């Protein structure tokens, strides 16, 4: 399936929306994630960052109220991470509610409304980004943030 076919699949077959309407919206979503020119390209011809952005467009095609991102940048080369974070930042600016699991602390500090720090599956600290990043109370949180700021 091409990038466009990938994005239109669920709205057509799950939501039973008219193909013409879905194709138009999918093209707009691919443009939104910076991939308008890649609509007819197959996944194996796309970079990891481009594949992730197609996945975001595919999810957006279902008109979600909430988006879940679980380490969306973890398998990407450093230069591709920015492409994906840019799209996620844009979604946040547009008011999309997102739950983001990430080790990208700069992104979390800049974009999050609320940060939850977990250690071994347990919440050890949570609060506004400024509070967590500038004045963490938990020792494990402080140690982790201290390691990444160096």
Protein backbone atom coordinates (compact mmCIF):
# COMPACT_ATOMS: atom_id res chain seq x y z
CA UNK A 1 0.00 0.00 0.00
CA UNK A 2 1.18 3.51 -0.80
CA UNK A 3 1.22 6.21 1.88
CA UNK A 4 -2.15 7.50 0.66
CA UNK A 5 -3.70 4.02 0.56
CA UNK A 6 -2.41 3.44 4.08
CA UNK A 7 -4.16 6.58 5.36
CA UNK A 8 -7.52 5.92 3.64
CA UNK A 9 -7.86 2.24 4.60
CA UNK A 10 -9.54 2.56 8.01
CA UNK A 11 -11.90 5.48 7.30
CA UNK A 12 -13.26 3.63 4.27
CA UNK A 13 -13.48 0.14 5.73
CA UNK A 14 -14.15 0.87 9.41
CA UNK A 15 -16.04 4.17 9.35
CA UNK A 16 -17.62 3.44 5.94
CA UNK A 17 -16.93 6.97 4.72
CA UNK A 18 -17.15 7.82 1.01
CA UNK A 19 -13.87 7.18 -0.79
CA UNK A 20 -13.69 10.60 -2.50
CA UNK A 21 -14.16 12.41 0.82
CA UNK A 22 -11.58 10.21 2.55
CA UNK A 23 -9.00 10.62 -0.23
CA UNK A 24 -9.35 14.41 -0.05
CA UNK A 25 -8.92 14.39 3.73
CA UNK A 26 -5.99 11.94 3.52
CA UNK A 27 -4.19 14.18 1.03
CA UNK A 28 -4.68 17.12 3.39
CA UNK A 29 -3.36 15.05 6.31
CA UNK A 30 -0.29 13.96 4.36
CA UNK A 31 0.34 17.63 3.56
CA UNK A 32 -0.11 18.48 7.24
CA UNK A 33 2.64 16.02 8.21
CA UNK A 34 4.88 17.26 5.39
CA UNK A 35 4.41 14.32 3.04
CA UNK A 36 2.07 15.57 0.29
CA UNK A 37 4.65 14.65 -2.35
CA UNK A 38 4.98 11.11 -0.94
CA UNK A 39 1.31 10.07 -1.32
CA UNK A 40 2.08 7.46 -3.99
CA UNK A 41 5.29 6.18 -2.39
CA UNK A 42 5.45 2.76 -0.74
CA UNK A 43 6.68 2.41 2.87
CA UNK A 44 9.97 0.69 2.02
CA UNK A 45 10.91 3.85 0.08
CA UNK A 46 10.28 6.13 3.06
CA UNK A 47 12.65 7.00 5.90
CA UNK A 48 11.75 5.97 9.43
CA UNK A 49 10.67 9.51 10.21
CA UNK A 50 8.47 9.62 7.13
CA UNK A 51 6.93 6.26 8.07
CA UNK A 52 6.13 7.60 11.53
CA UNK A 53 4.51 10.69 10.01
CA UNK A 54 2.37 8.48 7.73
CA UNK A 55 1.32 6.59 10.88
CA UNK A 56 0.32 9.89 12.50
CA UNK A 57 -1.69 10.88 9.40
CA UNK A 58 -3.32 7.43 9.43
CA UNK A 59 -4.37 7.88 13.05
CA UNK A 60 -5.63 11.41 12.42
CA UNK A 61 -7.76 10.12 9.53
CA UNK A 62 -9.97 8.46 12.14
CA UNK A 63 -10.70 11.85 13.78
CA UNK A 64 -9.50 10.85 17.25
CA UNK A 65 -10.17 12.91 20.35
CA UNK A 66 -6.91 11.64 21.85
CA UNK A 67 -3.63 10.44 20.35
CA UNK A 68 -1.30 7.99 22.08
CA UNK A 69 2.41 8.12 21.26
CA UNK A 70 4.58 5.40 22.79
CA UNK A 71 8.23 6.25 22.14
CA UNK A 72 7.36 7.54 18.66
CA UNK A 73 10.98 8.56 18.07
CA UNK A 74 12.85 5.70 19.76
CA UNK A 75 13.79 3.77 16.60
CA UNK A 76 14.74 6.83 14.58
CA UNK A 77 18.11 8.26 13.67
CA UNK A 78 18.72 11.54 15.52
CA UNK A 79 18.23 13.65 12.39
CA UNK A 80 14.78 12.11 11.84
CA UNK A 81 13.58 12.65 15.40
CA UNK A 82 13.01 16.35 14.73
CA UNK A 83 10.64 15.60 11.83
CA UNK A 84 8.31 13.60 14.07
CA UNK A 85 8.55 15.96 17.05
CA UNK A 86 7.68 18.89 14.77
CA UNK A 87 4.41 17.20 13.76
CA UNK A 88 3.62 16.31 17.38
CA UNK A 89 4.36 19.90 18.46
CA UNK A 90 2.01 21.17 15.74
CA UNK A 91 -0.74 18.84 16.97
CA UNK A 92 -0.27 20.14 20.52
CA UNK A 93 -0.50 23.73 19.29
CA UNK A 94 -3.76 22.84 17.52
CA UNK A 95 -5.18 21.52 20.79
CA UNK A 96 -4.91 17.78 20.19
CA UNK A 97 -4.95 15.89 23.47
CA UNK A 98 -1.96 13.55 23.51
CA UNK A 99 -0.54 11.00 25.91
CA UNK A 100 3.15 10.78 25.06
CA UNK A 101 5.62 8.24 26.43
CA UNK A 102 9.06 9.63 25.64
CA UNK A 103 12.66 10.01 26.66
CA UNK A 104 12.80 13.30 24.71
CA UNK A 105 12.90 15.49 27.81
CA UNK A 106 13.37 18.77 25.93
CA UNK A 107 10.21 18.06 23.98
CA UNK A 108 8.30 17.07 27.12
CA UNK A 109 9.42 20.23 28.92
CA UNK A 110 8.39 22.43 26.01
CA UNK A 111 5.10 20.82 24.94
CA UNK A 112 3.56 19.02 27.93
CA UNK A 113 0.88 20.48 30.16
CA UNK A 114 1.44 17.73 32.72
CA UNK A 115 4.43 15.41 33.19
CA UNK A 116 4.39 12.00 34.85
CA UNK A 117 7.74 10.47 35.71
CA UNK A 118 7.72 6.69 36.08
CA UNK A 119 10.34 4.31 37.40
CA UNK A 120 9.88 0.56 36.89
CA UNK A 121 6.22 1.06 35.97
CA UNK A 122 5.38 3.12 39.05
CA UNK A 123 4.54 6.83 39.05
CA UNK A 124 7.13 8.49 41.28
CA UNK A 125 6.39 12.12 40.48
CA UNK A 126 3.94 14.18 38.49
CA UNK A 127 3.03 17.79 37.94
CA UNK A 128 3.50 20.77 35.65
CA UNK A 129 6.67 20.60 33.50
CA UNK A 130 8.33 23.56 35.23
CA UNK A 131 7.81 21.93 38.62
CA UNK A 132 9.17 18.54 37.51
CA UNK A 133 12.11 19.78 35.45
CA UNK A 134 13.19 22.66 37.68
CA UNK A 135 12.35 21.37 41.16
CA UNK A 136 11.80 17.62 41.13
CA UNK A 137 11.17 16.25 44.61
CA UNK A 138 11.91 12.60 43.89
CA UNK A 139 15.58 11.58 44.02
CA UNK A 140 15.25 9.17 41.06
CA UNK A 141 13.66 11.92 38.96
CA UNK A 142 16.44 14.38 39.89
CA UNK A 143 19.15 11.82 39.08
CA UNK A 144 17.61 10.96 35.70
CA UNK A 145 17.13 14.59 34.71
CA UNK A 146 20.65 15.39 35.93
CA UNK A 147 22.11 12.69 33.68
CA UNK A 148 20.36 13.91 30.54
CA UNK A 149 21.14 17.58 31.09
CA UNK A 150 24.90 16.93 31.04
